[in-house]
Amino acid sequence: PGAVAYRLRLDLRRRTDRRSAALPAEFSVARGLPGGRSPSPLTRREAEVLRLLAAGSSTALVAQRLGISATTVRNHVQRLLDRLGVHSRLEAVALARGNGWVD
């Protein structure tokens, strides 16, 4: 899980840097993030949740595997969606797979 989190953070930094350099200032707002905030690197726990979602795990299964409540899983999911600038779990998993963050 630590390696996945590291790869996610590194790739997000690179994508954010490339986006910022390639776009004029008026277009530097990351898609889906209010207030023009850039995507933040995922925490280790958010990366673990994303990896489990990519493996097809439900909220209940993620909660069981990580030893946390379903509400906490939903909170982690919402934060990782916000950080990645996507609107659904499916989009997050597609982005992660497309960038090689998860298998």
PDB file of N, CA and C in Angstrom:
ATOM      1  N   PRO A   1       0.807  -1.214   0.000  1.00  0.00           N
ATOM      2  CA  PRO A   1       0.000   0.000   0.000  1.00  0.00           C
ATOM      3  C   PRO A   1       0.845   1.272   0.000  1.00  0.00           C
ATOM      4  N   GLY A   2       1.985   1.261   0.685  1.00  0.00           N
ATOM      5  CA  GLY A   2       2.828   2.443   0.712  1.00  0.00           C
ATOM      6  C   GLY A   2       3.371   2.789  -0.660  1.00  0.00           C
ATOM      7  N   ALA A   3       3.719   1.770  -1.431  1.00  0.00           N
ATOM      8  CA  ALA A   3       4.234   2.004  -2.781  1.00  0.00           C
ATOM      9  C   ALA A   3       3.154   2.576  -3.683  1.00  0.00           C
ATOM     10  N   VAL A   4       1.930   2.107  -3.527  1.00  0.00           N
ATOM     11  CA  VAL A   4       0.813   2.626  -4.326  1.00  0.00           C
ATOM     12  C   VAL A   4       0.586   4.094  -3.994  1.00  0.00           C
ATOM     13  N   ALA A   5       0.573   4.425  -2.708  1.00  0.00           N
ATOM     14  CA  ALA A   5       0.369   5.816  -2.289  1.00  0.00           C
ATOM     15  C   ALA A   5       1.480   6.706  -2.838  1.00  0.00           C
ATOM     16  N   TYR A   6       2.710   6.223  -2.777  1.00  0.00           N
ATOM     17  CA  TYR A   6       3.840   6.991  -3.291  1.00  0.00           C
ATOM     18  C   TYR A   6       3.683   7.249  -4.791  1.00  0.00           C
ATOM     19  N   ARG A   7       3.338   6.189  -5.557  1.00  0.00           N
ATOM     20  CA  ARG A   7       3.166   6.352  -7.009  1.00  0.00           C
ATOM     21  C   ARG A   7       2.039   7.319  -7.324  1.00  0.00           C
ATOM     22  N   LEU A   8       0.944   7.243  -6.566  1.00  0.00           N
ATOM     23  CA  LEU A   8      -0.179   8.157  -6.773  1.00  0.00           C
ATOM     24  C   LEU A   8       0.248   9.602  -6.526  1.00  0.00           C
ATOM     25  N   ARG A   9       0.941   9.827  -5.405  1.00  0.00           N
ATOM     26  CA  ARG A   9       1.374  11.189  -5.085  1.00  0.00           C
ATOM     27  C   ARG A   9       2.322  11.724  -6.150  1.00  0.00           C
ATOM     28  N   LEU A  10       3.272  10.918  -6.558  1.00  0.00           N
ATOM     29  CA  LEU A  10       4.244  11.333  -7.559  1.00  0.00           C
ATOM     30  C   LEU A  10       3.560  11.654  -8.881  1.00  0.00           C
ATOM     31  N   ASP A  11       2.659  10.779  -9.314  1.00  0.00           N
ATOM     32  CA  ASP A  11       1.984  11.002 -10.582  1.00  0.00           C
ATOM     33  C   ASP A  11       1.067  12.221 -10.523  1.00  0.00           C
ATOM     34  N   LEU A  12       0.371  12.413  -9.417  1.00  0.00           N
ATOM     35  CA  LEU A  12      -0.490  13.590  -9.286  1.00  0.00           C
ATOM     36  C   LEU A  12       0.330  14.870  -9.341  1.00  0.00           C
ATOM     37  N   ARG A  13       1.491  14.875  -8.681  1.00  0.00           N
ATOM     38  CA  ARG A  13       2.349  16.055  -8.741  1.00  0.00           C
ATOM     39  C   ARG A  13       2.778  16.341 -10.172  1.00  0.00           C
ATOM     40  N   ARG A  14       3.195  15.300 -10.879  1.00  0.00           N
ATOM     41  CA  ARG A  14       3.635  15.478 -12.269  1.00  0.00           C
ATOM     42  C   ARG A  14       2.502  15.997 -13.145  1.00  0.00           C
ATOM     43  N   ARG A  15       1.307  15.391 -12.997  1.00  0.00           N
ATOM     44  CA  ARG A  15       0.164  15.826 -13.806  1.00  0.00           C
ATOM     45  C   ARG A  15      -0.206  17.265 -13.495  1.00  0.00           C
ATOM     46  N   THR A  16      -0.186  17.629 -12.233  1.00  0.00           N
ATOM     47  CA  THR A  16      -0.525  18.994 -11.837  1.00  0.00           C
ATOM     48  C   THR A  16       0.500  19.970 -12.391  1.00  0.00           C
ATOM     49  N   ASP A  17       1.784  19.635 -12.294  1.00  0.00           N
ATOM     50  CA  ASP A  17       2.830  20.502 -12.818  1.00  0.00           C
ATOM     51  C   ASP A  17       2.692  20.672 -14.324  1.00  0.00           C
ATOM     52  N   ARG A  18       2.436  19.565 -15.047  1.00  0.00           N
ATOM     53  CA  ARG A  18       2.277  19.637 -16.496  1.00  0.00           C
ATOM     54  C   ARG A  18       1.070  20.476 -16.869  1.00  0.00           C
ATOM     55  N   ARG A  19      -0.039  20.266 -16.158  1.00  0.00           N
ATOM     56  CA  ARG A  19      -1.252  21.035 -16.436  1.00  0.00           C
ATOM     57  C   ARG A  19      -1.007  22.520 -16.240  1.00  0.00           C
ATOM     58  N   SER A  20      -0.365  22.873 -15.153  1.00  0.00           N
ATOM     59  CA  SER A  20      -0.125  24.275 -14.837  1.00  0.00           C
ATOM     60  C   SER A  20       0.771  24.922 -15.882  1.00  0.00           C
ATOM     61  N   ALA A  21       1.785  24.203 -16.328  1.00  0.00           N
ATOM     62  CA  ALA A  21       2.722  24.753 -17.301  1.00  0.00           C
ATOM     63  C   ALA A  21       2.103  24.871 -18.684  1.00  0.00           C
ATOM     64  N   ALA A  22       1.187  23.970 -19.018  1.00  0.00           N
ATOM     65  CA  ALA A  22       0.641  23.926 -20.371  1.00  0.00           C
ATOM     66  C   ALA A  22      -0.542  24.861 -20.578  1.00  0.00           C
ATOM     67  N   LEU A  23      -1.153  25.339 -19.518  1.00  0.00           N
ATOM     68  CA  LEU A  23      -2.363  26.138 -19.638  1.00  0.00           C
ATOM     69  C   LEU A  23      -2.126  27.579 -19.223  1.00  0.00           C
ATOM     70  N   PRO A  24      -2.819  28.517 -19.893  1.00  0.00           N
ATOM     71  CA  PRO A  24      -2.767  29.904 -19.433  1.00  0.00           C
ATOM     72  C   PRO A  24      -3.343  29.996 -18.020  1.00  0.00           C
ATOM     73  N   ALA A  25      -2.996  31.032 -17.304  1.00  0.00           N
ATOM     74  CA  ALA A  25      -3.411  31.179 -15.903  1.00  0.00           C
ATOM     75  C   ALA A  25      -4.917  31.073 -15.723  1.00  0.00           C
ATOM     76  N   GLU A  26      -5.698  31.619 -16.644  1.00  0.00           N
ATOM     77  CA  GLU A  26      -7.158  31.589 -16.471  1.00  0.00           C
ATOM     78  C   GLU A  26      -7.741  30.184 -16.596  1.00  0.00           C
ATOM     79  N   PHE A  27      -6.966  29.228 -17.079  1.00  0.00           N
ATOM     80  CA  PHE A  27      -7.434  27.855 -17.215  1.00  0.00           C
ATOM     81  C   PHE A  27      -6.743  26.905 -16.240  1.00  0.00           C
ATOM     82  N   SER A  28      -6.107  27.447 -15.223  1.00  0.00           N
ATOM     83  CA  SER A  28      -5.331  26.600 -14.323  1.00  0.00           C
ATOM     84  C   SER A  28      -6.162  25.935 -13.236  1.00  0.00           C
ATOM     85  N   VAL A  29      -7.464  26.174 -13.217  1.00  0.00           N
ATOM     86  CA  VAL A  29      -8.331  25.550 -12.221  1.00  0.00           C
ATOM     87  C   VAL A  29      -8.486  24.077 -12.562  1.00  0.00           C
ATOM     88  N   ALA A  30      -8.186  23.216 -11.609  1.00  0.00           N
ATOM     89  CA  ALA A  30      -8.332  21.772 -11.822  1.00  0.00           C
ATOM     90  C   ALA A  30      -9.808  21.426 -11.933  1.00  0.00           C
ATOM     91  N   ARG A  31     -10.162  20.584 -12.874  1.00  0.00           N
ATOM     92  CA  ARG A  31     -11.543  20.183 -13.085  1.00  0.00           C
ATOM     93  C   ARG A  31     -12.104  19.541 -11.824  1.00  0.00           C
ATOM     94  N   GLY A  32     -13.274  20.009 -11.436  1.00  0.00           N
ATOM     95  CA  GLY A  32     -13.978  19.387 -10.332  1.00  0.00           C
ATOM     96  C   GLY A  32     -13.585  19.870  -8.949  1.00  0.00           C
ATOM     97  N   LEU A  33     -12.633  20.782  -8.828  1.00  0.00           N
ATOM     98  CA  LEU A  33     -12.236  21.245  -7.507  1.00  0.00           C
ATOM     99  C   LEU A  33     -12.696  22.681  -7.301  1.00  0.00           C
ATOM    100  N   PRO A  34     -13.510  22.924  -6.271  1.00  0.00           N
ATOM    101  CA  PRO A  34     -13.996  24.278  -6.026  1.00  0.00           C
ATOM    102  C   PRO A  34     -12.869  25.208  -5.606  1.00  0.00           C
ATOM    103  N   GLY A  35     -13.016  26.463  -5.933  1.00  0.00           N
ATOM    104  CA  GLY A  35     -12.056  27.462  -5.489  1.00  0.00           C
ATOM    105  C   GLY A  35     -10.711  27.411  -6.184  1.00  0.00           C
ATOM    106  N   GLY A  36     -10.592  26.640  -7.254  1.00  0.00           N
ATOM    107  CA  GLY A  36      -9.351  26.590  -8.009  1.00  0.00           C
ATOM    108  C   GLY A  36      -8.229  25.834  -7.336  1.00  0.00           C
ATOM    109  N   ARG A  37      -8.554  25.001  -6.356  1.00  0.00           N
ATOM    110  CA  ARG A  37      -7.516  24.221  -5.687  1.00  0.00           C
ATOM    111  C   ARG A  37      -6.977  23.153  -6.627  1.00  0.00           C
ATOM    112  N   SER A  38      -5.699  22.884  -6.524  1.00  0.00           N
ATOM    113  CA  SER A  38      -5.082  21.811  -7.302  1.00  0.00           C
ATOM    114  C   SER A  38      -5.285  20.488  -6.581  1.00  0.00           C
ATOM    115  N   PRO A  39      -5.250  19.380  -7.332  1.00  0.00           N
ATOM    116  CA  PRO A  39      -5.384  18.084  -6.672  1.00  0.00           C
ATOM    117  C   PRO A  39      -4.267  17.881  -5.653  1.00  0.00           C
ATOM    118  N   SER A  40      -4.619  17.394  -4.491  1.00  0.00           N
ATOM    119  CA  SER A  40      -3.635  17.091  -3.460  1.00  0.00           C
ATOM    120  C   SER A  40      -3.258  15.626  -3.566  1.00  0.00           C
ATOM    121  N   PRO A  41      -2.068  15.291  -3.155  1.00  0.00           N
ATOM    122  CA  PRO A  41      -1.705  13.870  -3.140  1.00  0.00           C
ATOM    123  C   PRO A  41      -2.634  13.106  -2.203  1.00  0.00           C
ATOM    124  N   LEU A  42      -2.882  11.884  -2.535  1.00  0.00           N
ATOM    125  CA  LEU A  42      -3.723  11.052  -1.680  1.00  0.00           C
ATOM    126  C   LEU A  42      -2.957  10.637  -0.438  1.00  0.00           C
ATOM    127  N   THR A  43      -3.683  10.503   0.648  1.00  0.00           N
ATOM    128  CA  THR A  43      -3.075   9.947   1.853  1.00  0.00           C
ATOM    129  C   THR A  43      -2.865   8.453   1.632  1.00  0.00           C
ATOM    130  N   ARG A  44      -2.082   7.861   2.498  1.00  0.00           N
ATOM    131  CA  ARG A  44      -1.852   6.414   2.400  1.00  0.00           C
ATOM    132  C   ARG A  44      -3.186   5.665   2.493  1.00  0.00           C
ATOM    133  N   ARG A  45      -4.055   6.084   3.407  1.00  0.00           N
ATOM    134  CA  ARG A  45      -5.346   5.407   3.587  1.00  0.00           C
ATOM    135  C   ARG A  45      -6.233   5.583   2.354  1.00  0.00           C
ATOM    136  N   GLU A  46      -6.258   6.779   1.777  1.00  0.00           N
ATOM    137  CA  GLU A  46      -7.046   6.994   0.565  1.00  0.00           C
ATOM    138  C   GLU A  46      -6.537   6.119  -0.574  1.00  0.00           C
ATOM    139  N   ALA A  47      -5.220   5.971  -0.674  1.00  0.00           N
ATOM    140  CA  ALA A  47      -4.645   5.102  -1.701  1.00  0.00           C
ATOM    141  C   ALA A  47      -5.041   3.650  -1.468  1.00  0.00           C
ATOM    142  N   GLU A  48      -5.081   3.224  -0.198  1.00  0.00           N
ATOM    143  CA  GLU A  48      -5.518   1.859   0.116  1.00  0.00           C
ATOM    144  C   GLU A  48      -6.977   1.663  -0.289  1.00  0.00           C
ATOM    145  N   VAL A  49      -7.807   2.650   0.023  1.00  0.00           N
ATOM    146  CA  VAL A  49      -9.226   2.573  -0.340  1.00  0.00           C
ATOM    147  C   VAL A  49      -9.365   2.499  -1.858  1.00  0.00           C
ATOM    148  N   LEU A  50      -8.625   3.325  -2.580  1.00  0.00           N
ATOM    149  CA  LEU A  50      -8.687   3.312  -4.043  1.00  0.00           C
ATOM    150  C   LEU A  50      -8.257   1.957  -4.596  1.00  0.00           C
ATOM    151  N   ARG A  51      -7.202   1.387  -4.033  1.00  0.00           N
ATOM    152  CA  ARG A  51      -6.732   0.068  -4.484  1.00  0.00           C
ATOM    153  C   ARG A  51      -7.817  -0.985  -4.280  1.00  0.00           C
ATOM    154  N   LEU A  52      -8.496  -0.947  -3.136  1.00  0.00           N
ATOM    155  CA  LEU A  52      -9.563  -1.916  -2.861  1.00  0.00           C
ATOM    156  C   LEU A  52     -10.773  -1.683  -3.763  1.00  0.00           C
ATOM    157  N   LEU A  53     -11.089  -0.422  -4.042  1.00  0.00           N
ATOM    158  CA  LEU A  53     -12.184  -0.136  -4.973  1.00  0.00           C
ATOM    159  C   LEU A  53     -11.857  -0.681  -6.360  1.00  0.00           C
ATOM    160  N   ALA A  54     -10.602  -0.514  -6.769  1.00  0.00           N
ATOM    161  CA  ALA A  54     -10.183  -1.017  -8.080  1.00  0.00           C
ATOM    162  C   ALA A  54     -10.271  -2.534  -8.147  1.00  0.00           C
ATOM    163  N   ALA A  55     -10.145  -3.189  -6.995  1.00  0.00           N
ATOM    164  CA  ALA A  55     -10.259  -4.649  -6.936  1.00  0.00           C
ATOM    165  C   ALA A  55     -11.719  -5.093  -6.880  1.00  0.00           C
ATOM    166  N   GLY A  56     -12.646  -4.124  -6.887  1.00  0.00           N
ATOM    167  CA  GLY A  56     -14.066  -4.458  -6.905  1.00  0.00           C
ATOM    168  C   GLY A  56     -14.720  -4.546  -5.540  1.00  0.00           C
ATOM    169  N   SER A  57     -14.045  -4.086  -4.509  1.00  0.00           N
ATOM    170  CA  SER A  57     -14.586  -4.174  -3.149  1.00  0.00           C
ATOM    171  C   SER A  57     -15.701  -3.156  -2.922  1.00  0.00           C
ATOM    172  N   SER A  58     -16.706  -3.577  -2.187  1.00  0.00           N
ATOM    173  CA  SER A  58     -17.798  -2.688  -1.785  1.00  0.00           C
ATOM    174  C   SER A  58     -17.356  -1.863  -0.580  1.00  0.00           C
ATOM    175  N   THR A  59     -18.170  -0.878  -0.230  1.00  0.00           N
ATOM    176  CA  THR A  59     -17.883  -0.073   0.959  1.00  0.00           C
ATOM    177  C   THR A  59     -17.755  -0.965   2.186  1.00  0.00           C
ATOM    178  N   ALA A  60     -18.689  -1.894   2.345  1.00  0.00           N
ATOM    179  CA  ALA A  60     -18.672  -2.786   3.510  1.00  0.00           C
ATOM    180  C   ALA A  60     -17.409  -3.645   3.537  1.00  0.00           C
ATOM    181  N   LEU A  61     -16.997  -4.150   2.382  1.00  0.00           N
ATOM    182  CA  LEU A  61     -15.800  -4.988   2.329  1.00  0.00           C
ATOM    183  C   LEU A  61     -14.536  -4.175   2.612  1.00  0.00           C
ATOM    184  N   VAL A  62     -14.471  -2.958   2.068  1.00  0.00           N
ATOM    185  CA  VAL A  62     -13.326  -2.088   2.352  1.00  0.00           C
ATOM    186  C   VAL A  62     -13.253  -1.825   3.853  1.00  0.00           C
ATOM    187  N   ALA A  63     -14.403  -1.521   4.456  1.00  0.00           N
ATOM    188  CA  ALA A  63     -14.455  -1.259   5.900  1.00  0.00           C
ATOM    189  C   ALA A  63     -13.954  -2.462   6.687  1.00  0.00           C
ATOM    190  N   GLN A  64     -14.413  -3.629   6.305  1.00  0.00           N
ATOM    191  CA  GLN A  64     -14.009  -4.856   7.000  1.00  0.00           C
ATOM    192  C   GLN A  64     -12.506  -5.095   6.854  1.00  0.00           C
ATOM    193  N   ARG A  65     -11.998  -4.971   5.646  1.00  0.00           N
ATOM    194  CA  ARG A  65     -10.572  -5.238   5.403  1.00  0.00           C
ATOM    195  C   ARG A  65      -9.655  -4.248   6.111  1.00  0.00           C
ATOM    196  N   LEU A  66     -10.106  -2.992   6.211  1.00  0.00           N
ATOM    197  CA  LEU A  66      -9.261  -1.973   6.834  1.00  0.00           C
ATOM    198  C   LEU A  66      -9.553  -1.780   8.318  1.00  0.00           C
ATOM    199  N   GLY A  67     -10.600  -2.442   8.811  1.00  0.00           N
ATOM    200  CA  GLY A  67     -10.936  -2.329  10.223  1.00  0.00           C
ATOM    201  C   GLY A  67     -11.488  -0.970  10.612  1.00  0.00           C
ATOM    202  N   ILE A  68     -12.249  -0.362   9.699  1.00  0.00           N
ATOM    203  CA  ILE A  68     -12.855   0.949   9.949  1.00  0.00           C
ATOM    204  C   ILE A  68     -14.338   0.869   9.627  1.00  0.00           C
ATOM    205  N   SER A  69     -15.085   1.895   9.971  1.00  0.00           N
ATOM    206  CA  SER A  69     -16.528   1.874   9.716  1.00  0.00           C
ATOM    207  C   SER A  69     -16.827   2.208   8.255  1.00  0.00           C
ATOM    208  N   ALA A  70     -18.019   1.828   7.815  1.00  0.00           N
ATOM    209  CA  ALA A  70     -18.460   2.144   6.452  1.00  0.00           C
ATOM    210  C   ALA A  70     -18.539   3.655   6.252  1.00  0.00           C
ATOM    211  N   THR A  71     -18.926   4.382   7.294  1.00  0.00           N
ATOM    212  CA  THR A  71     -18.986   5.846   7.202  1.00  0.00           C
ATOM    213  C   THR A  71     -17.596   6.423   6.952  1.00  0.00           C
ATOM    214  N   THR A  72     -16.599   5.883   7.622  1.00  0.00           N
ATOM    215  CA  THR A  72     -15.224   6.343   7.420  1.00  0.00           C
ATOM    216  C   THR A  72     -14.763   6.028   6.002  1.00  0.00           C
ATOM    217  N   VAL A  73     -15.129   4.872   5.489  1.00  0.00           N
ATOM    218  CA  VAL A  73     -14.788   4.527   4.102  1.00  0.00           C
ATOM    219  C   VAL A  73     -15.418   5.541   3.159  1.00  0.00           C
ATOM    220  N   ARG A  74     -16.694   5.850   3.363  1.00  0.00           N
ATOM    221  CA  ARG A  74     -17.369   6.827   2.496  1.00  0.00           C
ATOM    222  C   ARG A  74     -16.678   8.194   2.565  1.00  0.00           C
ATOM    223  N   ASN A  75     -16.220   8.572   3.755  1.00  0.00           N
ATOM    224  CA  ASN A  75     -15.489   9.838   3.886  1.00  0.00           C
ATOM    225  C   ASN A  75     -14.175   9.799   3.108  1.00  0.00           C
ATOM    226  N   HIS A  76     -13.440   8.698   3.212  1.00  0.00           N
ATOM    227  CA  HIS A  76     -12.190   8.553   2.450  1.00  0.00           C
ATOM    228  C   HIS A  76     -12.470   8.606   0.950  1.00  0.00           C
ATOM    229  N   VAL A  77     -13.523   7.928   0.520  1.00  0.00           N
ATOM    230  CA  VAL A  77     -13.870   7.918  -0.904  1.00  0.00           C
ATOM    231  C   VAL A  77     -14.179   9.336  -1.372  1.00  0.00           C
ATOM    232  N   GLN A  78     -14.976  10.068  -0.610  1.00  0.00           N
ATOM    233  CA  GLN A  78     -15.329  11.428  -1.018  1.00  0.00           C
ATOM    234  C   GLN A  78     -14.096  12.318  -1.113  1.00  0.00           C
ATOM    235  N   ARG A  79     -13.193  12.188  -0.161  1.00  0.00           N
ATOM    236  CA  ARG A  79     -11.968  12.993  -0.202  1.00  0.00           C
ATOM    237  C   ARG A  79     -11.091  12.619  -1.393  1.00  0.00           C
ATOM    238  N   LEU A  80     -10.976  11.330  -1.686  1.00  0.00           N
ATOM    239  CA  LEU A  80     -10.125  10.953  -2.823  1.00  0.00           C
ATOM    240  C   LEU A  80     -10.761  11.383  -4.139  1.00  0.00           C
ATOM    241  N   LEU A  81     -12.091  11.345  -4.233  1.00  0.00           N
ATOM    242  CA  LEU A  81     -12.756  11.852  -5.438  1.00  0.00           C
ATOM    243  C   LEU A  81     -12.451  13.338  -5.612  1.00  0.00           C
ATOM    244  N   ASP A  82     -12.562  14.098  -4.528  1.00  0.00           N
ATOM    245  CA  ASP A  82     -12.271  15.533  -4.586  1.00  0.00           C
ATOM    246  C   ASP A  82     -10.825  15.785  -4.992  1.00  0.00           C
ATOM    247  N   ARG A  83      -9.904  15.048  -4.405  1.00  0.00           N
ATOM    248  CA  ARG A  83      -8.483  15.253  -4.696  1.00  0.00           C
ATOM    249  C   ARG A  83      -8.132  14.890  -6.137  1.00  0.00           C
ATOM    250  N   LEU A  84      -8.788  13.868  -6.669  1.00  0.00           N
ATOM    251  CA  LEU A  84      -8.509  13.448  -8.044  1.00  0.00           C
ATOM    252  C   LEU A  84      -9.285  14.267  -9.064  1.00  0.00           C
ATOM    253  N   GLY A  85     -10.266  15.033  -8.607  1.00  0.00           N
ATOM    254  CA  GLY A  85     -11.054  15.854  -9.520  1.00  0.00           C
ATOM    255  C   GLY A  85     -12.021  15.042 -10.353  1.00  0.00           C
ATOM    256  N   VAL A  86     -12.535  13.958  -9.779  1.00  0.00           N
ATOM    257  CA  VAL A  86     -13.514  13.114 -10.476  1.00  0.00           C
ATOM    258  C   VAL A  86     -14.802  13.089  -9.665  1.00  0.00           C
ATOM    259  N   HIS A  87     -15.857  12.535 -10.264  1.00  0.00           N
ATOM    260  CA  HIS A  87     -17.173  12.592  -9.642  1.00  0.00           C
ATOM    261  C   HIS A  87     -17.732  11.246  -9.215  1.00  0.00           C
ATOM    262  N   SER A  88     -17.035  10.171  -9.501  1.00  0.00           N
ATOM    263  CA  SER A  88     -17.558   8.859  -9.114  1.00  0.00           C
ATOM    264  C   SER A  88     -16.406   7.898  -8.834  1.00  0.00           C
ATOM    265  N   ARG A  89     -16.754   6.825  -8.150  1.00  0.00           N
ATOM    266  CA  ARG A  89     -15.766   5.778  -7.879  1.00  0.00           C
ATOM    267  C   ARG A  89     -15.251   5.192  -9.188  1.00  0.00           C
ATOM    268  N   LEU A  90     -16.161   5.018 -10.132  1.00  0.00           N
ATOM    269  CA  LEU A  90     -15.784   4.455 -11.424  1.00  0.00           C
ATOM    270  C   LEU A  90     -14.747   5.337 -12.120  1.00  0.00           C
ATOM    271  N   GLU A  91     -14.971   6.650 -12.100  1.00  0.00           N
ATOM    272  CA  GLU A  91     -13.998   7.562 -12.706  1.00  0.00           C
ATOM    273  C   GLU A  91     -12.652   7.488 -11.987  1.00  0.00           C
ATOM    274  N   ALA A  92     -12.683   7.399 -10.665  1.00  0.00           N
ATOM    275  CA  ALA A  92     -11.439   7.316  -9.892  1.00  0.00           C
ATOM    276  C   ALA A  92     -10.663   6.057 -10.251  1.00  0.00           C
ATOM    277  N   VAL A  93     -11.365   4.939 -10.336  1.00  0.00           N
ATOM    278  CA  VAL A  93     -10.712   3.670 -10.678  1.00  0.00           C
ATOM    279  C   VAL A  93     -10.184   3.718 -12.110  1.00  0.00           C
ATOM    280  N   ALA A  94     -10.971   4.278 -13.032  1.00  0.00           N
ATOM    281  CA  ALA A  94     -10.518   4.384 -14.423  1.00  0.00           C
ATOM    282  C   ALA A  94      -9.263   5.251 -14.512  1.00  0.00           C
ATOM    283  N   LEU A  95      -9.243   6.359 -13.779  1.00  0.00           N
ATOM    284  CA  LEU A  95      -8.075   7.230 -13.766  1.00  0.00           C
ATOM    285  C   LEU A  95      -6.866   6.501 -13.189  1.00  0.00           C
ATOM    286  N   ALA A  96      -7.075   5.792 -12.099  1.00  0.00           N
ATOM    287  CA  ALA A  96      -5.984   5.049 -11.461  1.00  0.00           C
ATOM    288  C   ALA A  96      -5.443   3.958 -12.380  1.00  0.00           C
ATOM    289  N   ARG A  97      -6.325   3.234 -13.032  1.00  0.00           N
ATOM    290  CA  ARG A  97      -5.873   2.180 -13.960  1.00  0.00           C
ATOM    291  C   ARG A  97      -5.186   2.780 -15.173  1.00  0.00           C
ATOM    292  N   GLY A  98      -5.758   3.847 -15.713  1.00  0.00           N
ATOM    293  CA  GLY A  98      -5.188   4.490 -16.891  1.00  0.00           C
ATOM    294  C   GLY A  98      -3.794   5.043 -16.655  1.00  0.00           C
ATOM    295  N   ASN A  99      -3.505   5.404 -15.412  1.00  0.00           N
ATOM    296  CA  ASN A  99      -2.196   5.957 -15.070  1.00  0.00           C
ATOM    297  C   ASN A  99      -1.263   4.932 -14.449  1.00  0.00           C
ATOM    298  N   GLY A 100      -1.721   3.671 -14.384  1.00  0.00           N
ATOM    299  CA  GLY A 100      -0.872   2.615 -13.847  1.00  0.00           C
ATOM    300  C   GLY A 100      -0.688   2.643 -12.342  1.00  0.00           C
ATOM    301  N   TRP A 101      -1.582   3.346 -11.625  1.00  0.00           N
ATOM    302  CA  TRP A 101      -1.479   3.408 -10.168  1.00  0.00           C
ATOM    303  C   TRP A 101      -1.932   2.116  -9.526  1.00  0.00           C
ATOM    304  N   VAL A 102      -2.856   1.419 -10.172  1.00  0.00           N
ATOM    305  CA  VAL A 102      -3.361   0.133  -9.676  1.00  0.00           C
ATOM    306  C   VAL A 102      -3.411  -0.835 -10.845  1.00  0.00           C
ATOM    307  N   ASP A 103      -3.436  -2.116 -10.526  1.00  0.00           N
ATOM    308  CA  ASP A 103      -3.510  -3.145 -11.576  1.00  0.00           C
ATOM    309  C   ASP A 103      -4.940  -3.388 -11.984  1.00  0.00           C
TER     310      ASP A 103
END
